[in-house]
Amino acid sequence: LNPSLDIYWRDLSQLYLAKINLISQDPNLSFEEKRRLTNLAIVNGAEAINQAINLAPMNVANWNVRGFFYRNLIGIEGAGELSLASYQKAIQLEPTSPFAYGEKGRVYILIAQSLSQTGEDELRKKNLDLAFENLKKALELKPDYAPAHYLSAVVYDQQGKLDQAISKLEETKIISPQDPGVAFQL
């Protein structure tokens, strides 16, 4: 590890996410041990991505990975907001890229899905609307951006608009004919 290069810290944060998955699947660990090790990995991962940002705050990749890191922790208090703030900073640094807009849309979808379990329907609807707004912006920047088309179909599905979801998936299949995931979803 070269502590003066942001890429090492950025990659290390993602390794901590992988470690969290391994911990959660380990049948030899007790619930308490899993919780302790998971919390430690979250803290270490957060410190790693923040170190990458401290070393290179103008590197959009650091902000995108920070958004990804916290997106994977949605369900933990504040993770969704940290993810959104990270992608917003990425947008400020690279306003012509559709990527961060698409990822913000994905975060709003995940937040809406978590709200569906709590019965907060109005807030869930608001998050789906915000998801769609961000996905629309991604598509304005790059009309053939397949992830935004696919995620728009997810929003329609979550809103109960099945015909529009199918139509959007069919459009996505034309844009990305080699993607087996789109065909599977259809």
N, C-alpha and C. Protein backbone atom coordinates (compact mmCIF):
# COMPACT_ATOMS: atom_id res chain seq x y z
N LEU A 1 0.84 -1.18 0.00
CA LEU A 1 0.00 0.00 0.00
C LEU A 1 0.88 1.24 0.00
N ASN A 2 0.71 2.05 -1.00
CA ASN A 2 1.38 3.34 -1.04
C ASN A 2 0.41 4.37 -0.48
N PRO A 3 0.62 4.83 0.74
CA PRO A 3 -0.36 5.70 1.39
C PRO A 3 -0.49 7.09 0.76
N SER A 4 0.37 7.40 -0.20
CA SER A 4 0.27 8.72 -0.81
C SER A 4 -0.52 8.70 -2.13
N LEU A 5 -1.02 7.53 -2.53
CA LEU A 5 -1.82 7.44 -3.76
C LEU A 5 -3.28 7.13 -3.41
N ASP A 6 -4.17 7.93 -3.95
CA ASP A 6 -5.59 7.77 -3.65
C ASP A 6 -6.16 6.46 -4.16
N ILE A 7 -5.63 5.94 -5.26
CA ILE A 7 -6.19 4.71 -5.84
C ILE A 7 -6.10 3.53 -4.87
N TYR A 8 -5.03 3.47 -4.10
CA TYR A 8 -4.90 2.38 -3.15
C TYR A 8 -5.97 2.47 -2.07
N TRP A 9 -6.21 3.66 -1.57
CA TRP A 9 -7.23 3.85 -0.54
C TRP A 9 -8.63 3.58 -1.11
N ARG A 10 -8.84 4.04 -2.33
CA ARG A 10 -10.13 3.83 -3.00
C ARG A 10 -10.40 2.33 -3.16
N ASP A 11 -9.40 1.60 -3.65
CA ASP A 11 -9.56 0.16 -3.82
C ASP A 11 -9.71 -0.56 -2.48
N LEU A 12 -9.00 -0.09 -1.47
CA LEU A 12 -9.10 -0.70 -0.15
C LEU A 12 -10.52 -0.58 0.40
N SER A 13 -11.16 0.55 0.15
CA SER A 13 -12.54 0.70 0.65
C SER A 13 -13.45 -0.35 0.03
N GLN A 14 -13.22 -0.67 -1.23
CA GLN A 14 -14.05 -1.68 -1.89
C GLN A 14 -13.73 -3.08 -1.38
N LEU A 15 -12.49 -3.31 -0.99
CA LEU A 15 -12.14 -4.60 -0.39
C LEU A 15 -12.87 -4.80 0.94
N TYR A 16 -13.05 -3.70 1.67
CA TYR A 16 -13.79 -3.81 2.93
C TYR A 16 -15.25 -4.17 2.67
N LEU A 17 -15.83 -3.68 1.57
CA LEU A 17 -17.19 -4.10 1.22
C LEU A 17 -17.25 -5.60 0.95
N ALA A 18 -16.25 -6.09 0.21
CA ALA A 18 -16.19 -7.53 -0.07
C ALA A 18 -16.03 -8.32 1.23
N LYS A 19 -15.25 -7.78 2.15
CA LYS A 19 -15.04 -8.44 3.44
C LYS A 19 -16.36 -8.51 4.22
N ILE A 20 -17.16 -7.47 4.14
CA ILE A 20 -18.45 -7.46 4.82
C ILE A 20 -19.32 -8.61 4.30
N ASN A 21 -19.32 -8.81 2.99
CA ASN A 21 -20.10 -9.91 2.41
C ASN A 21 -19.59 -11.26 2.89
N LEU A 22 -18.27 -11.41 2.95
CA LEU A 22 -17.72 -12.68 3.43
C LEU A 22 -18.08 -12.93 4.89
N ILE A 23 -18.02 -11.89 5.69
CA ILE A 23 -18.37 -12.01 7.12
C ILE A 23 -19.82 -12.46 7.26
N SER A 24 -20.70 -11.83 6.51
CA SER A 24 -22.13 -12.14 6.64
C SER A 24 -22.45 -13.58 6.22
N GLN A 25 -21.62 -14.17 5.38
CA GLN A 25 -21.87 -15.53 4.90
C GLN A 25 -21.12 -16.60 5.68
N ASP A 26 -20.32 -16.21 6.63
CA ASP A 26 -19.50 -17.18 7.37
C ASP A 26 -20.34 -17.89 8.43
N PRO A 27 -20.61 -19.18 8.24
CA PRO A 27 -21.45 -19.90 9.20
C PRO A 27 -20.75 -20.19 10.54
N ASN A 28 -19.45 -19.99 10.59
CA ASN A 28 -18.70 -20.28 11.82
C ASN A 28 -18.68 -19.11 12.79
N LEU A 29 -19.24 -17.98 12.39
CA LEU A 29 -19.25 -16.81 13.26
C LEU A 29 -20.60 -16.64 13.93
N SER A 30 -20.57 -16.27 15.20
CA SER A 30 -21.83 -15.99 15.91
C SER A 30 -22.39 -14.66 15.41
N PHE A 31 -23.65 -14.41 15.72
CA PHE A 31 -24.30 -13.16 15.33
C PHE A 31 -23.53 -11.97 15.88
N GLU A 32 -23.13 -12.05 17.13
CA GLU A 32 -22.40 -10.93 17.76
C GLU A 32 -21.04 -10.71 17.09
N GLU A 33 -20.36 -11.80 16.77
CA GLU A 33 -19.06 -11.69 16.11
C GLU A 33 -19.21 -11.11 14.70
N LYS A 34 -20.26 -11.53 13.99
CA LYS A 34 -20.53 -10.98 12.67
C LYS A 34 -20.78 -9.47 12.77
N ARG A 35 -21.57 -9.09 13.74
CA ARG A 35 -21.88 -7.66 13.92
C ARG A 35 -20.63 -6.86 14.25
N ARG A 36 -19.81 -7.39 15.13
CA ARG A 36 -18.58 -6.68 15.51
C ARG A 36 -17.64 -6.53 14.32
N LEU A 37 -17.43 -7.63 13.60
CA LEU A 37 -16.51 -7.60 12.44
C LEU A 37 -17.06 -6.74 11.31
N THR A 38 -18.37 -6.79 11.11
CA THR A 38 -19.00 -5.96 10.08
C THR A 38 -18.84 -4.48 10.41
N ASN A 39 -19.11 -4.12 11.65
CA ASN A 39 -18.95 -2.72 12.06
C ASN A 39 -17.51 -2.24 11.88
N LEU A 40 -16.57 -3.09 12.21
CA LEU A 40 -15.16 -2.75 12.05
C LEU A 40 -14.82 -2.55 10.57
N ALA A 41 -15.32 -3.43 9.72
CA ALA A 41 -15.06 -3.32 8.28
C ALA A 41 -15.71 -2.05 7.71
N ILE A 42 -16.89 -1.69 8.19
CA ILE A 42 -17.54 -0.46 7.73
C ILE A 42 -16.71 0.75 8.12
N VAL A 43 -16.27 0.79 9.36
CA VAL A 43 -15.45 1.92 9.82
C VAL A 43 -14.16 2.00 9.02
N ASN A 44 -13.50 0.87 8.83
CA ASN A 44 -12.23 0.86 8.08
C ASN A 44 -12.45 1.25 6.61
N GLY A 45 -13.54 0.76 6.02
CA GLY A 45 -13.84 1.12 4.64
C GLY A 45 -14.13 2.60 4.48
N ALA A 46 -14.89 3.15 5.42
CA ALA A 46 -15.20 4.59 5.39
C ALA A 46 -13.93 5.41 5.55
N GLU A 47 -13.06 4.99 6.45
CA GLU A 47 -11.79 5.71 6.64
C GLU A 47 -10.94 5.64 5.37
N ALA A 48 -10.94 4.51 4.71
CA ALA A 48 -10.14 4.34 3.50
C ALA A 48 -10.64 5.26 2.38
N ILE A 49 -11.95 5.27 2.13
CA ILE A 49 -12.44 6.11 1.03
C ILE A 49 -12.30 7.59 1.38
N ASN A 50 -12.44 7.93 2.64
CA ASN A 50 -12.24 9.33 3.03
C ASN A 50 -10.77 9.74 2.89
N GLN A 51 -9.87 8.81 3.12
CA GLN A 51 -8.45 9.09 2.92
C GLN A 51 -8.16 9.33 1.44
N ALA A 52 -8.78 8.55 0.57
CA ALA A 52 -8.62 8.76 -0.88
C ALA A 52 -9.10 10.16 -1.26
N ILE A 53 -10.22 10.57 -0.70
CA ILE A 53 -10.76 11.90 -0.99
C ILE A 53 -9.85 12.99 -0.44
N ASN A 54 -9.31 12.77 0.74
CA ASN A 54 -8.38 13.76 1.31
C ASN A 54 -7.14 13.92 0.44
N LEU A 55 -6.66 12.83 -0.14
CA LEU A 55 -5.47 12.89 -0.99
C LEU A 55 -5.76 13.52 -2.35
N ALA A 56 -6.94 13.26 -2.90
CA ALA A 56 -7.27 13.76 -4.24
C ALA A 56 -8.75 14.15 -4.30
N PRO A 57 -9.09 15.29 -3.69
CA PRO A 57 -10.50 15.69 -3.63
C PRO A 57 -11.12 16.05 -4.98
N MET A 58 -10.31 16.29 -5.98
CA MET A 58 -10.83 16.65 -7.29
C MET A 58 -10.93 15.45 -8.24
N ASN A 59 -10.60 14.27 -7.75
CA ASN A 59 -10.69 13.05 -8.55
C ASN A 59 -12.11 12.51 -8.45
N VAL A 60 -12.85 12.59 -9.53
CA VAL A 60 -14.25 12.18 -9.54
C VAL A 60 -14.40 10.70 -9.18
N ALA A 61 -13.42 9.88 -9.51
CA ALA A 61 -13.50 8.45 -9.20
C ALA A 61 -13.61 8.22 -7.69
N ASN A 62 -12.92 9.04 -6.91
CA ASN A 62 -13.01 8.89 -5.45
C ASN A 62 -14.43 9.13 -4.95
N TRP A 63 -15.08 10.15 -5.51
CA TRP A 63 -16.45 10.47 -5.09
C TRP A 63 -17.43 9.40 -5.57
N ASN A 64 -17.21 8.89 -6.78
CA ASN A 64 -18.09 7.82 -7.27
C ASN A 64 -17.95 6.56 -6.43
N VAL A 65 -16.74 6.22 -6.04
CA VAL A 65 -16.54 5.03 -5.21
C VAL A 65 -17.11 5.27 -3.81
N ARG A 66 -16.99 6.48 -3.30
CA ARG A 66 -17.60 6.80 -2.00
C ARG A 66 -19.12 6.62 -2.09
N GLY A 67 -19.71 7.08 -3.19
CA GLY A 67 -21.13 6.87 -3.39
C GLY A 67 -21.49 5.40 -3.44
N PHE A 68 -20.67 4.63 -4.15
CA PHE A 68 -20.87 3.18 -4.24
C PHE A 68 -20.74 2.51 -2.87
N PHE A 69 -19.73 2.93 -2.11
CA PHE A 69 -19.50 2.35 -0.79
C PHE A 69 -20.75 2.52 0.09
N TYR A 70 -21.23 3.76 0.17
CA TYR A 70 -22.39 4.01 1.03
C TYR A 70 -23.69 3.47 0.44
N ARG A 71 -23.78 3.39 -0.90
CA ARG A 71 -24.96 2.79 -1.52
C ARG A 71 -25.12 1.35 -1.06
N ASN A 72 -24.01 0.66 -0.91
CA ASN A 72 -24.05 -0.73 -0.47
C ASN A 72 -24.40 -0.88 1.00
N LEU A 73 -24.45 0.24 1.71
CA LEU A 73 -24.78 0.20 3.13
C LEU A 73 -26.17 0.76 3.41
N ILE A 74 -26.96 1.01 2.34
CA ILE A 74 -28.31 1.54 2.54
C ILE A 74 -29.07 0.58 3.45
N GLY A 75 -29.71 1.16 4.41
CA GLY A 75 -30.36 0.40 5.48
C GLY A 75 -29.72 0.77 6.80
N ILE A 76 -28.47 1.23 6.72
CA ILE A 76 -27.78 1.78 7.89
C ILE A 76 -28.06 3.28 7.88
N GLU A 77 -28.40 3.81 9.01
CA GLU A 77 -28.79 5.22 9.11
C GLU A 77 -27.73 6.15 8.51
N GLY A 78 -28.18 7.00 7.62
CA GLY A 78 -27.33 8.00 7.01
C GLY A 78 -26.59 7.56 5.76
N ALA A 79 -26.59 6.26 5.46
CA ALA A 79 -25.82 5.76 4.32
C ALA A 79 -26.36 6.30 3.00
N GLY A 80 -27.67 6.32 2.86
CA GLY A 80 -28.27 6.82 1.63
C GLY A 80 -27.91 8.28 1.37
N GLU A 81 -27.97 9.09 2.42
CA GLU A 81 -27.65 10.51 2.29
C GLU A 81 -26.18 10.71 1.94
N LEU A 82 -25.30 9.93 2.54
CA LEU A 82 -23.87 10.04 2.22
C LEU A 82 -23.59 9.61 0.78
N SER A 83 -24.30 8.59 0.33
CA SER A 83 -24.15 8.15 -1.05
C SER A 83 -24.60 9.23 -2.01
N LEU A 84 -25.78 9.81 -1.76
CA LEU A 84 -26.30 10.87 -2.63
C LEU A 84 -25.38 12.08 -2.65
N ALA A 85 -24.87 12.47 -1.49
CA ALA A 85 -23.96 13.62 -1.41
C ALA A 85 -22.68 13.34 -2.20
N SER A 86 -22.21 12.13 -2.16
CA SER A 86 -21.00 11.76 -2.88
C SER A 86 -21.22 11.85 -4.39
N TYR A 87 -22.33 11.31 -4.85
CA TYR A 87 -22.62 11.39 -6.29
C TYR A 87 -22.88 12.83 -6.72
N GLN A 88 -23.46 13.64 -5.83
CA GLN A 88 -23.66 15.05 -6.17
C GLN A 88 -22.32 15.75 -6.36
N LYS A 89 -21.36 15.43 -5.51
CA LYS A 89 -20.02 16.02 -5.67
C LYS A 89 -19.39 15.54 -6.98
N ALA A 90 -19.60 14.28 -7.34
CA ALA A 90 -19.09 13.77 -8.61
C ALA A 90 -19.72 14.53 -9.78
N ILE A 91 -20.99 14.86 -9.66
CA ILE A 91 -21.67 15.63 -10.70
C ILE A 91 -21.05 17.02 -10.81
N GLN A 92 -20.74 17.62 -9.69
CA GLN A 92 -20.11 18.96 -9.71
C GLN A 92 -18.75 18.91 -10.39
N LEU A 93 -18.02 17.82 -10.17
CA LEU A 93 -16.69 17.70 -10.76
C LEU A 93 -16.73 17.30 -12.23
N GLU A 94 -17.77 16.57 -12.62
CA GLU A 94 -17.87 16.07 -14.00
C GLU A 94 -19.33 16.18 -14.46
N PRO A 95 -19.79 17.40 -14.71
CA PRO A 95 -21.22 17.62 -14.99
C PRO A 95 -21.72 17.05 -16.31
N THR A 96 -20.85 16.68 -17.22
CA THR A 96 -21.30 16.15 -18.50
C THR A 96 -21.36 14.62 -18.54
N SER A 97 -21.04 13.98 -17.44
CA SER A 97 -21.09 12.52 -17.39
C SER A 97 -22.46 12.05 -16.89
N PRO A 98 -23.04 11.06 -17.54
CA PRO A 98 -24.33 10.54 -17.07
C PRO A 98 -24.20 9.59 -15.88
N PHE A 99 -22.97 9.14 -15.60
CA PHE A 99 -22.78 8.08 -14.61
C PHE A 99 -23.33 8.44 -13.24
N ALA A 100 -22.91 9.55 -12.67
CA ALA A 100 -23.33 9.89 -11.30
C ALA A 100 -24.84 10.15 -11.23
N TYR A 101 -25.41 10.73 -12.29
CA TYR A 101 -26.87 10.90 -12.30
C TYR A 101 -27.57 9.54 -12.26
N GLY A 102 -27.06 8.60 -13.04
CA GLY A 102 -27.64 7.27 -13.04
C GLY A 102 -27.51 6.59 -11.68
N GLU A 103 -26.37 6.79 -11.05
CA GLU A 103 -26.16 6.19 -9.73
C GLU A 103 -27.02 6.85 -8.67
N LYS A 104 -27.22 8.16 -8.77
CA LYS A 104 -28.16 8.81 -7.85
C LYS A 104 -29.55 8.22 -8.02
N GLY A 105 -29.94 7.99 -9.28
CA GLY A 105 -31.23 7.35 -9.53
C GLY A 105 -31.32 5.99 -8.86
N ARG A 106 -30.24 5.23 -8.97
CA ARG A 106 -30.20 3.90 -8.35
C ARG A 106 -30.34 4.00 -6.83
N VAL A 107 -29.67 4.98 -6.23
CA VAL A 107 -29.75 5.16 -4.77
C VAL A 107 -31.19 5.50 -4.36
N TYR A 108 -31.82 6.41 -5.09
CA TYR A 108 -33.20 6.76 -4.76
C TYR A 108 -34.13 5.54 -4.88
N ILE A 109 -33.88 4.69 -5.87
CA ILE A 109 -34.67 3.46 -6.01
C ILE A 109 -34.48 2.57 -4.79
N LEU A 110 -33.24 2.40 -4.36
CA LEU A 110 -32.96 1.55 -3.20
C LEU A 110 -33.57 2.12 -1.93
N ILE A 111 -33.53 3.44 -1.79
CA ILE A 111 -34.16 4.07 -0.62
C ILE A 111 -35.67 3.84 -0.68
N ALA A 112 -36.26 4.00 -1.85
CA ALA A 112 -37.70 3.76 -2.01
C ALA A 112 -38.06 2.32 -1.67
N GLN A 113 -37.22 1.38 -2.10
CA GLN A 113 -37.48 -0.03 -1.79
C GLN A 113 -37.42 -0.28 -0.29
N SER A 114 -36.48 0.36 0.39
CA SER A 114 -36.41 0.17 1.84
C SER A 114 -37.60 0.83 2.54
N LEU A 115 -38.11 1.92 1.97
CA LEU A 115 -39.28 2.59 2.56
C LEU A 115 -40.55 1.78 2.35
N SER A 116 -40.59 0.96 1.31
CA SER A 116 -41.78 0.15 1.07
C SER A 116 -41.99 -0.86 2.19
N GLN A 117 -40.93 -1.20 2.89
CA GLN A 117 -41.03 -2.15 4.00
C GLN A 117 -41.53 -1.47 5.27
N THR A 118 -41.41 -0.13 5.33
CA THR A 118 -41.83 0.60 6.53
C THR A 118 -43.21 1.22 6.37
N GLY A 119 -43.77 1.15 5.16
CA GLY A 119 -45.10 1.69 4.94
C GLY A 119 -45.15 3.20 4.74
N GLU A 120 -44.01 3.81 4.48
CA GLU A 120 -43.97 5.26 4.26
C GLU A 120 -44.18 5.54 2.78
N ASP A 121 -45.43 5.40 2.34
CA ASP A 121 -45.75 5.45 0.92
C ASP A 121 -45.47 6.81 0.27
N GLU A 122 -45.77 7.88 0.96
CA GLU A 122 -45.56 9.21 0.37
C GLU A 122 -44.08 9.49 0.15
N LEU A 123 -43.25 9.14 1.12
CA LEU A 123 -41.80 9.32 1.00
C LEU A 123 -41.23 8.37 -0.05
N ARG A 124 -41.78 7.18 -0.13
CA ARG A 124 -41.37 6.21 -1.15
C ARG A 124 -41.64 6.77 -2.54
N LYS A 125 -42.82 7.32 -2.74
CA LYS A 125 -43.20 7.91 -4.03
C LYS A 125 -42.27 9.07 -4.37
N LYS A 126 -41.96 9.89 -3.39
CA LYS A 126 -41.06 11.04 -3.62
C LYS A 126 -39.68 10.55 -4.08
N ASN A 127 -39.18 9.51 -3.46
CA ASN A 127 -37.87 8.97 -3.84
C ASN A 127 -37.89 8.38 -5.24
N LEU A 128 -38.98 7.74 -5.63
CA LEU A 128 -39.08 7.22 -6.99
C LEU A 128 -39.13 8.37 -8.00
N ASP A 129 -39.81 9.45 -7.65
CA ASP A 129 -39.84 10.62 -8.52
C ASP A 129 -38.43 11.22 -8.67
N LEU A 130 -37.70 11.29 -7.56
CA LEU A 130 -36.32 11.81 -7.60
C LEU A 130 -35.43 10.88 -8.43
N ALA A 131 -35.66 9.59 -8.31
CA ALA A 131 -34.90 8.63 -9.12
C ALA A 131 -35.14 8.91 -10.59
N PHE A 132 -36.39 9.07 -10.95
CA PHE A 132 -36.73 9.30 -12.35
C PHE A 132 -36.13 10.61 -12.87
N GLU A 133 -36.16 11.67 -12.04
CA GLU A 133 -35.55 12.95 -12.43
C GLU A 133 -34.07 12.79 -12.75
N ASN A 134 -33.35 12.07 -11.90
CA ASN A 134 -31.91 11.87 -12.13
C ASN A 134 -31.64 11.00 -13.34
N LEU A 135 -32.45 9.99 -13.54
CA LEU A 135 -32.29 9.13 -14.70
C LEU A 135 -32.59 9.89 -15.99
N LYS A 136 -33.58 10.76 -15.93
CA LYS A 136 -33.90 11.60 -17.08
C LYS A 136 -32.72 12.50 -17.43
N LYS A 137 -32.08 13.06 -16.40
CA LYS A 137 -30.91 13.92 -16.63
C LYS A 137 -29.77 13.11 -17.25
N ALA A 138 -29.56 11.90 -16.78
CA ALA A 138 -28.52 11.03 -17.36
C ALA A 138 -28.80 10.79 -18.84
N LEU A 139 -30.07 10.58 -19.17
CA LEU A 139 -30.44 10.32 -20.57
C LEU A 139 -30.37 11.57 -21.43
N GLU A 140 -30.55 12.74 -20.83
CA GLU A 140 -30.36 13.98 -21.58
C GLU A 140 -28.89 14.14 -21.96
N LEU A 141 -28.01 13.71 -21.07
CA LEU A 141 -26.57 13.80 -21.33
C LEU A 141 -26.11 12.75 -22.32
N LYS A 142 -26.72 11.57 -22.25
CA LYS A 142 -26.33 10.46 -23.13
C LYS A 142 -27.57 9.61 -23.42
N PRO A 143 -28.25 9.91 -24.53
CA PRO A 143 -29.53 9.24 -24.82
C PRO A 143 -29.46 7.72 -24.92
N ASP A 144 -28.30 7.17 -25.21
CA ASP A 144 -28.19 5.71 -25.31
C ASP A 144 -27.54 5.09 -24.07
N TYR A 145 -27.64 5.77 -22.95
CA TYR A 145 -27.03 5.28 -21.70
C TYR A 145 -27.91 4.16 -21.13
N ALA A 146 -27.55 2.93 -21.43
CA ALA A 146 -28.37 1.76 -21.10
C ALA A 146 -28.71 1.63 -19.61
N PRO A 147 -27.76 1.87 -18.68
CA PRO A 147 -28.13 1.74 -17.27
C PRO A 147 -29.29 2.66 -16.87
N ALA A 148 -29.34 3.87 -17.41
CA ALA A 148 -30.43 4.78 -17.07
C ALA A 148 -31.75 4.31 -17.66
N HIS A 149 -31.70 3.75 -18.86
CA HIS A 149 -32.93 3.19 -19.44
C HIS A 149 -33.44 2.03 -18.59
N TYR A 150 -32.52 1.15 -18.22
CA TYR A 150 -32.91 -0.01 -17.41
C TYR A 150 -33.49 0.43 -16.06
N LEU A 151 -32.81 1.36 -15.40
CA LEU A 151 -33.28 1.82 -14.09
C LEU A 151 -34.60 2.57 -14.20
N SER A 152 -34.84 3.23 -15.33
CA SER A 152 -36.14 3.87 -15.54
C SER A 152 -37.24 2.82 -15.57
N ALA A 153 -36.95 1.68 -16.18
CA ALA A 153 -37.91 0.57 -16.19
C ALA A 153 -38.17 0.08 -14.76
N VAL A 154 -37.13 0.05 -13.95
CA VAL A 154 -37.29 -0.35 -12.55
C VAL A 154 -38.21 0.64 -11.83
N VAL A 155 -38.02 1.94 -12.08
CA VAL A 155 -38.89 2.95 -11.45
C VAL A 155 -40.34 2.72 -11.86
N TYR A 156 -40.56 2.53 -13.16
CA TYR A 156 -41.93 2.28 -13.63
C TYR A 156 -42.52 1.05 -12.94
N ASP A 157 -41.72 0.01 -12.83
CA ASP A 157 -42.18 -1.21 -12.17
C ASP A 157 -42.55 -0.93 -10.71
N GLN A 158 -41.69 -0.20 -10.01
CA GLN A 158 -41.94 0.12 -8.61
C GLN A 158 -43.19 1.00 -8.44
N GLN A 159 -43.49 1.80 -9.46
CA GLN A 159 -44.67 2.65 -9.43
C GLN A 159 -45.93 1.89 -9.85
N GLY A 160 -45.78 0.63 -10.25
CA GLY A 160 -46.92 -0.17 -10.68
C GLY A 160 -47.31 0.08 -12.13
N LYS A 161 -46.45 0.71 -12.89
CA LYS A 161 -46.72 1.01 -14.31
C LYS A 161 -46.04 -0.07 -15.17
N LEU A 162 -46.63 -1.24 -15.15
CA LEU A 162 -46.01 -2.40 -15.80
C LEU A 162 -45.85 -2.24 -17.31
N ASP A 163 -46.86 -1.67 -17.98
CA ASP A 163 -46.75 -1.49 -19.43
C ASP A 163 -45.59 -0.57 -19.79
N GLN A 164 -45.42 0.51 -19.03
CA GLN A 164 -44.30 1.43 -19.30
C GLN A 164 -42.98 0.77 -18.97
N ALA A 165 -42.95 -0.04 -17.93
CA ALA A 165 -41.72 -0.75 -17.57
C ALA A 165 -41.30 -1.71 -18.69
N ILE A 166 -42.26 -2.44 -19.23
CA ILE A 166 -41.97 -3.37 -20.32
C ILE A 166 -41.49 -2.61 -21.55
N SER A 167 -42.16 -1.52 -21.85
CA SER A 167 -41.77 -0.71 -23.00
C SER A 167 -40.34 -0.19 -22.85
N LYS A 168 -40.01 0.27 -21.65
CA LYS A 168 -38.66 0.79 -21.40
C LYS A 168 -37.63 -0.32 -21.48
N LEU A 169 -37.96 -1.52 -21.02
CA LEU A 169 -37.03 -2.64 -21.13
C LEU A 169 -36.83 -3.04 -22.59
N GLU A 170 -37.89 -2.98 -23.38
CA GLU A 170 -37.75 -3.29 -24.80
C GLU A 170 -36.86 -2.26 -25.48
N GLU A 171 -37.00 -1.00 -25.09
CA GLU A 171 -36.12 0.06 -25.61
C GLU A 171 -34.67 -0.19 -25.18
N THR A 172 -34.49 -0.61 -23.95
CA THR A 172 -33.15 -0.90 -23.43
C THR A 172 -32.52 -2.07 -24.19
N LYS A 173 -33.34 -3.05 -24.53
CA LYS A 173 -32.83 -4.22 -25.25
C LYS A 173 -32.30 -3.82 -26.63
N ILE A 174 -32.94 -2.85 -27.26
CA ILE A 174 -32.47 -2.36 -28.57
C ILE A 174 -31.14 -1.64 -28.41
N ILE A 175 -31.01 -0.86 -27.34
CA ILE A 175 -29.79 -0.09 -27.09
C ILE A 175 -28.64 -1.02 -26.70
N SER A 176 -28.96 -2.05 -25.95
CA SER A 176 -27.94 -2.96 -25.43
C SER A 176 -28.31 -4.41 -25.74
N PRO A 177 -28.24 -4.81 -27.02
CA PRO A 177 -28.73 -6.14 -27.41
C PRO A 177 -27.92 -7.31 -26.84
N GLN A 178 -26.68 -7.06 -26.43
CA GLN A 178 -25.84 -8.15 -25.92
C GLN A 178 -26.01 -8.38 -24.42
N ASP A 179 -26.85 -7.59 -23.76
CA ASP A 179 -27.03 -7.70 -22.31
C ASP A 179 -28.07 -8.76 -21.99
N PRO A 180 -27.65 -9.92 -21.48
CA PRO A 180 -28.62 -10.98 -21.18
C PRO A 180 -29.53 -10.62 -20.00
N GLY A 181 -29.08 -9.73 -19.13
CA GLY A 181 -29.89 -9.33 -17.98
C GLY A 181 -31.17 -8.64 -18.39
N VAL A 182 -31.09 -7.82 -19.44
CA VAL A 182 -32.27 -7.11 -19.93
C VAL A 182 -33.27 -8.12 -20.49
N ALA A 183 -32.80 -9.05 -21.28
CA ALA A 183 -33.69 -10.08 -21.84
C ALA A 183 -34.32 -10.90 -20.72
N PHE A 184 -33.54 -11.22 -19.70
CA PHE A 184 -34.06 -11.98 -18.56
C PHE A 184 -35.16 -11.20 -17.86
N GLN A 185 -34.94 -9.89 -17.64
CA GLN A 185 -35.95 -9.08 -16.95
C GLN A 185 -37.23 -8.98 -17.76
N LEU A 186 -37.09 -8.89 -19.09
CA LEU A 186 -38.28 -8.86 -19.94
C LEU A 186 -39.06 -10.15 -19.79
